[in-house]
Amino acid sequence: MRTISVRLDDGGEARLDSLCQVLGLSQSEVVKAGLALLQQQATSPAALAERFGLVGSFSSNAPDSGTTSRGRDHAALLRQKLNHQHKRERQIGPQP
């Protein structure tokens, strides 16, 4: 197992100490848990697009047909879905 050093400003040190007290964990355990949580939440752009149904979907209709092209409008669709997800999370509250 490897040992590393981390430099924290006063605020970071206070947050770490507070988390250790609240959770009843050592500094190492808190840092490891934080890394695991960040890794869990990290999503590649490809995975995010797939999760929101933007991968492999397209429209072959003419531009004037009223049907949108997910390829052409991917940024707006992704932004819309993310906004919807954030609203839902705010209503439900943070999940453990």
Protein backbone atom coordinates (compact mmCIF):
# COMPACT_ATOMS: atom_id res chain seq x y z
CA MET A 1 0.00 0.00 0.00
CA ARG A 2 1.28 3.45 -0.88
CA THR A 3 1.27 6.52 1.35
CA ILE A 4 0.67 9.99 -0.09
CA SER A 5 0.72 13.48 1.38
CA VAL A 6 -2.00 16.02 0.75
CA ARG A 7 -1.69 19.74 1.41
CA LEU A 8 -4.85 21.31 2.78
CA ASP A 9 -5.56 24.92 3.57
CA ASP A 10 -7.13 25.71 6.94
CA GLY A 11 -10.66 25.36 5.58
CA GLY A 12 -9.93 21.99 3.99
CA GLU A 13 -8.35 20.71 7.17
CA ALA A 14 -11.35 21.85 9.20
CA ARG A 15 -13.75 20.12 6.78
CA LEU A 16 -11.73 16.91 6.93
CA ASP A 17 -11.62 17.00 10.74
CA SER A 18 -15.35 17.68 10.90
CA LEU A 19 -16.14 14.77 8.56
CA CYS A 20 -13.93 12.47 10.61
CA GLN A 21 -15.79 13.39 13.79
CA VAL A 22 -19.27 13.21 12.27
CA LEU A 23 -18.67 9.92 10.46
CA GLY A 24 -16.44 8.36 13.09
CA LEU A 25 -13.80 7.57 10.49
CA SER A 26 -10.07 8.17 10.23
CA GLN A 27 -8.68 10.74 7.81
CA SER A 28 -7.55 7.93 5.49
CA GLU A 29 -11.02 6.36 5.51
CA VAL A 30 -12.69 9.69 4.72
CA VAL A 31 -10.30 10.36 1.82
CA LYS A 32 -10.79 6.84 0.44
CA ALA A 33 -14.57 7.18 0.70
CA GLY A 34 -14.39 10.54 -1.08
CA LEU A 35 -12.36 9.03 -3.90
CA ALA A 36 -14.82 6.16 -4.26
CA LEU A 37 -17.75 8.58 -4.37
CA LEU A 38 -16.07 10.77 -7.01
CA GLN A 39 -15.29 7.73 -9.11
CA GLN A 40 -18.91 6.58 -8.83
CA GLN A 41 -20.21 9.96 -9.95
CA ALA A 42 -17.70 10.45 -12.76
CA THR A 43 -19.42 9.89 -16.07
CA SER A 44 -17.76 10.03 -19.46
CA PRO A 45 -19.48 12.12 -22.13
CA ALA A 46 -20.24 8.95 -24.10
CA ALA A 47 -21.83 7.23 -21.09
CA LEU A 48 -23.85 10.35 -20.30
CA ALA A 49 -25.13 10.59 -23.89
CA GLU A 50 -26.05 6.91 -23.85
CA ARG A 51 -27.82 7.25 -20.50
CA PHE A 52 -29.98 10.07 -21.90
CA GLY A 53 -30.81 8.19 -25.08
CA LEU A 54 -28.74 10.38 -27.38
CA VAL A 55 -26.46 7.66 -28.75
CA GLY A 56 -27.51 5.91 -31.93
CA SER A 57 -30.68 7.91 -32.38
CA PHE A 58 -31.27 10.13 -35.36
CA SER A 59 -33.97 11.41 -37.63
CA SER A 60 -33.87 10.92 -41.35
CA ASN A 61 -36.86 13.20 -41.92
CA ALA A 62 -36.51 16.38 -43.88
CA PRO A 63 -35.53 19.47 -41.85
CA ASP A 64 -38.94 21.10 -42.51
CA SER A 65 -40.95 18.09 -41.34
CA GLY A 66 -41.10 19.24 -37.72
CA THR A 67 -39.10 16.27 -36.45
CA THR A 68 -35.91 17.25 -34.68
CA SER A 69 -32.59 15.65 -35.32
CA ARG A 70 -31.00 14.39 -32.11
CA GLY A 71 -27.61 14.59 -33.75
CA ARG A 72 -28.06 18.21 -34.74
CA ASP A 73 -29.82 19.22 -31.51
CA HIS A 74 -27.81 17.08 -29.08
CA ALA A 75 -26.57 20.01 -26.96
CA ALA A 76 -30.05 21.41 -26.41
CA LEU A 77 -31.51 17.96 -25.70
CA LEU A 78 -28.77 17.12 -23.22
CA ARG A 79 -29.15 20.48 -21.48
CA GLN A 80 -32.93 19.97 -21.27
CA LYS A 81 -32.57 16.46 -19.80
CA LEU A 82 -29.93 17.58 -17.29
CA ASN A 83 -32.12 20.49 -16.17
CA HIS A 84 -35.03 18.08 -15.70
CA GLN A 85 -32.83 15.71 -13.68
CA HIS A 86 -31.54 18.55 -11.47
CA LYS A 87 -35.10 19.73 -10.78
CA ARG A 88 -36.11 16.18 -9.85
CA GLU A 89 -33.10 15.81 -7.53
CA ARG A 90 -33.89 19.12 -5.81
CA GLN A 91 -37.46 17.95 -5.19
CA ILE A 92 -36.39 14.57 -3.83
CA GLY A 93 -33.34 15.81 -1.93
CA PRO A 94 -29.84 14.35 -1.74
CA GLN A 95 -29.53 10.59 -1.87
CA PRO A 96 -27.21 8.76 0.54
